[in-house]
Amino acid sequence: MRYVAAALLAALGGQDINAANLKKIITAGGADVDAAELDKVVAELAGKDVSALIEEGLEKISSVPAGGGAAPAAGGAAPAAADAAPAAAAKEEEEEEEDDDMGFGLFD
């Protein structure tokens, strides 16, 4: 991922996507460079327009479902148990907040 990010940064900065530029960007961030991975990314992106690749990727990802809430399983006892848990958590939080001030108020 760091190699692709470096390639995008190079393209954004108007530089060529080559091994030297990507290595410079990656090492500036304090990361190590794996020459095999670097060469693979440079070979895959050689001669390609980064803007066109991004547009192509956006078209592909637009067809991916973005999720949505699934209907909860049927059952009467589950919601009651779920309501009891937040109430207990809220009560516990109130008790903790009282202890946080250690007897000193903000405007005392």
Protein backbone atom coordinates (compact mmCIF):
# COMPACT_ATOMS: atom_id res chain seq x y z
CA MET A 1 0.00 0.00 0.00
CA ARG A 2 2.84 2.38 0.76
CA TYR A 3 4.17 1.96 -2.77
CA VAL A 4 0.84 2.86 -4.35
CA ALA A 5 0.47 5.81 -1.98
CA ALA A 6 3.97 6.98 -2.90
CA ALA A 7 3.10 6.67 -6.60
CA LEU A 8 -0.02 8.77 -6.09
CA LEU A 9 1.96 11.38 -4.18
CA ALA A 10 4.56 11.49 -6.95
CA ALA A 11 1.86 11.92 -9.58
CA LEU A 12 0.16 14.61 -7.51
CA GLY A 13 3.47 16.43 -7.21
CA GLY A 14 4.00 16.28 -10.97
CA GLN A 15 6.88 13.80 -10.74
CA ASP A 16 7.37 10.68 -12.83
CA ILE A 17 6.40 7.39 -11.26
CA ASN A 18 9.77 5.67 -11.15
CA ALA A 19 11.71 3.68 -8.58
CA ALA A 20 13.94 6.57 -7.54
CA ASN A 21 11.07 8.98 -6.87
CA LEU A 22 9.00 6.40 -4.99
CA LYS A 23 11.98 5.32 -2.90
CA LYS A 24 12.66 8.95 -2.01
CA ILE A 25 9.04 9.46 -0.89
CA ILE A 26 8.88 6.24 1.12
CA THR A 27 12.18 6.74 2.91
CA ALA A 28 11.22 10.33 3.72
CA GLY A 29 8.30 8.86 5.65
CA GLY A 30 10.67 6.65 7.63
CA ALA A 31 9.59 3.35 6.06
CA ASP A 32 11.75 0.61 4.61
CA VAL A 33 11.68 -0.12 0.88
CA ASP A 34 11.33 -3.62 -0.52
CA ALA A 35 12.93 -3.45 -3.97
CA ALA A 36 10.79 -6.29 -5.38
CA GLU A 37 7.54 -4.63 -4.31
CA LEU A 38 8.74 -1.25 -5.54
CA ASP A 39 9.67 -2.66 -8.94
CA LYS A 40 6.31 -4.44 -9.22
CA VAL A 41 4.33 -1.23 -8.59
CA VAL A 42 6.52 0.78 -10.99
CA ALA A 43 6.07 -1.89 -13.68
CA GLU A 44 2.28 -1.99 -13.21
CA LEU A 45 1.94 1.80 -13.39
CA ALA A 46 4.46 2.36 -16.21
CA GLY A 47 2.92 4.41 -19.01
CA LYS A 48 -0.47 4.73 -17.34
CA ASP A 49 -2.34 7.90 -16.46
CA VAL A 50 -3.05 7.96 -12.71
CA SER A 51 -6.19 10.09 -13.16
CA ALA A 52 -7.61 7.55 -15.61
CA LEU A 53 -6.82 4.71 -13.20
CA ILE A 54 -8.63 6.51 -10.39
CA GLU A 55 -11.67 7.12 -12.61
CA GLU A 56 -11.70 3.45 -13.61
CA GLY A 57 -11.49 2.41 -9.97
CA LEU A 58 -14.35 4.71 -9.01
CA GLU A 59 -16.53 3.18 -11.71
CA LYS A 60 -15.75 -0.31 -10.44
CA ILE A 61 -16.37 0.51 -6.80
CA SER A 62 -19.65 2.26 -7.54
CA SER A 63 -21.21 -1.11 -8.32
CA VAL A 64 -20.27 -2.51 -4.91
CA PRO A 65 -23.20 -2.52 -2.47
CA ALA A 66 -22.70 -0.02 0.32
CA GLY A 67 -24.39 -2.17 2.92
CA GLY A 68 -27.46 -1.36 4.82
CA GLY A 69 -29.15 -2.49 7.93
CA ALA A 70 -30.28 -6.07 7.95
CA ALA A 71 -33.60 -6.79 9.57
CA PRO A 72 -33.13 -7.88 13.17
CA ALA A 73 -33.93 -11.46 14.03
CA ALA A 74 -37.42 -12.07 15.36
CA GLY A 75 -37.63 -12.51 19.10
CA GLY A 76 -39.38 -10.69 21.89
CA ALA A 77 -36.82 -11.10 24.66
CA ALA A 78 -33.83 -9.65 22.83
CA PRO A 79 -34.94 -5.99 22.80
CA ALA A 80 -35.75 -6.04 26.51
CA ALA A 81 -32.31 -7.42 27.32
CA ALA A 82 -30.72 -4.85 25.05
CA ASP A 83 -32.52 -2.01 26.85
CA ALA A 84 -31.39 -3.25 30.26
CA ALA A 85 -27.71 -3.26 29.30
CA PRO A 86 -27.50 0.46 28.30
CA ALA A 87 -29.38 1.46 31.45
CA ALA A 88 -26.86 -0.38 33.61
CA ALA A 89 -23.97 1.14 31.66
CA ALA A 90 -25.42 4.65 32.06
CA LYS A 91 -25.80 4.17 35.81
CA GLU A 92 -22.20 2.96 36.06
CA GLU A 93 -20.95 5.98 34.07
CA GLU A 94 -22.79 8.37 36.40
CA GLU A 95 -21.09 6.82 39.40
CA GLU A 96 -17.68 7.16 37.74
CA GLU A 97 -18.29 10.81 36.90
CA GLU A 98 -19.05 11.58 40.53
CA ASP A 99 -15.67 10.16 41.55
CA ASP A 100 -13.75 12.06 38.89
CA ASP A 101 -13.95 15.48 40.53
CA MET A 102 -12.43 14.22 43.82
CA GLY A 103 -14.49 16.68 45.83
CA PHE A 104 -13.47 19.76 43.87
CA GLY A 105 -15.94 21.57 41.67
CA LEU A 106 -14.99 23.56 38.62
CA PHE A 107 -16.37 26.82 40.04
CA ASP A 108 -15.76 26.27 43.79
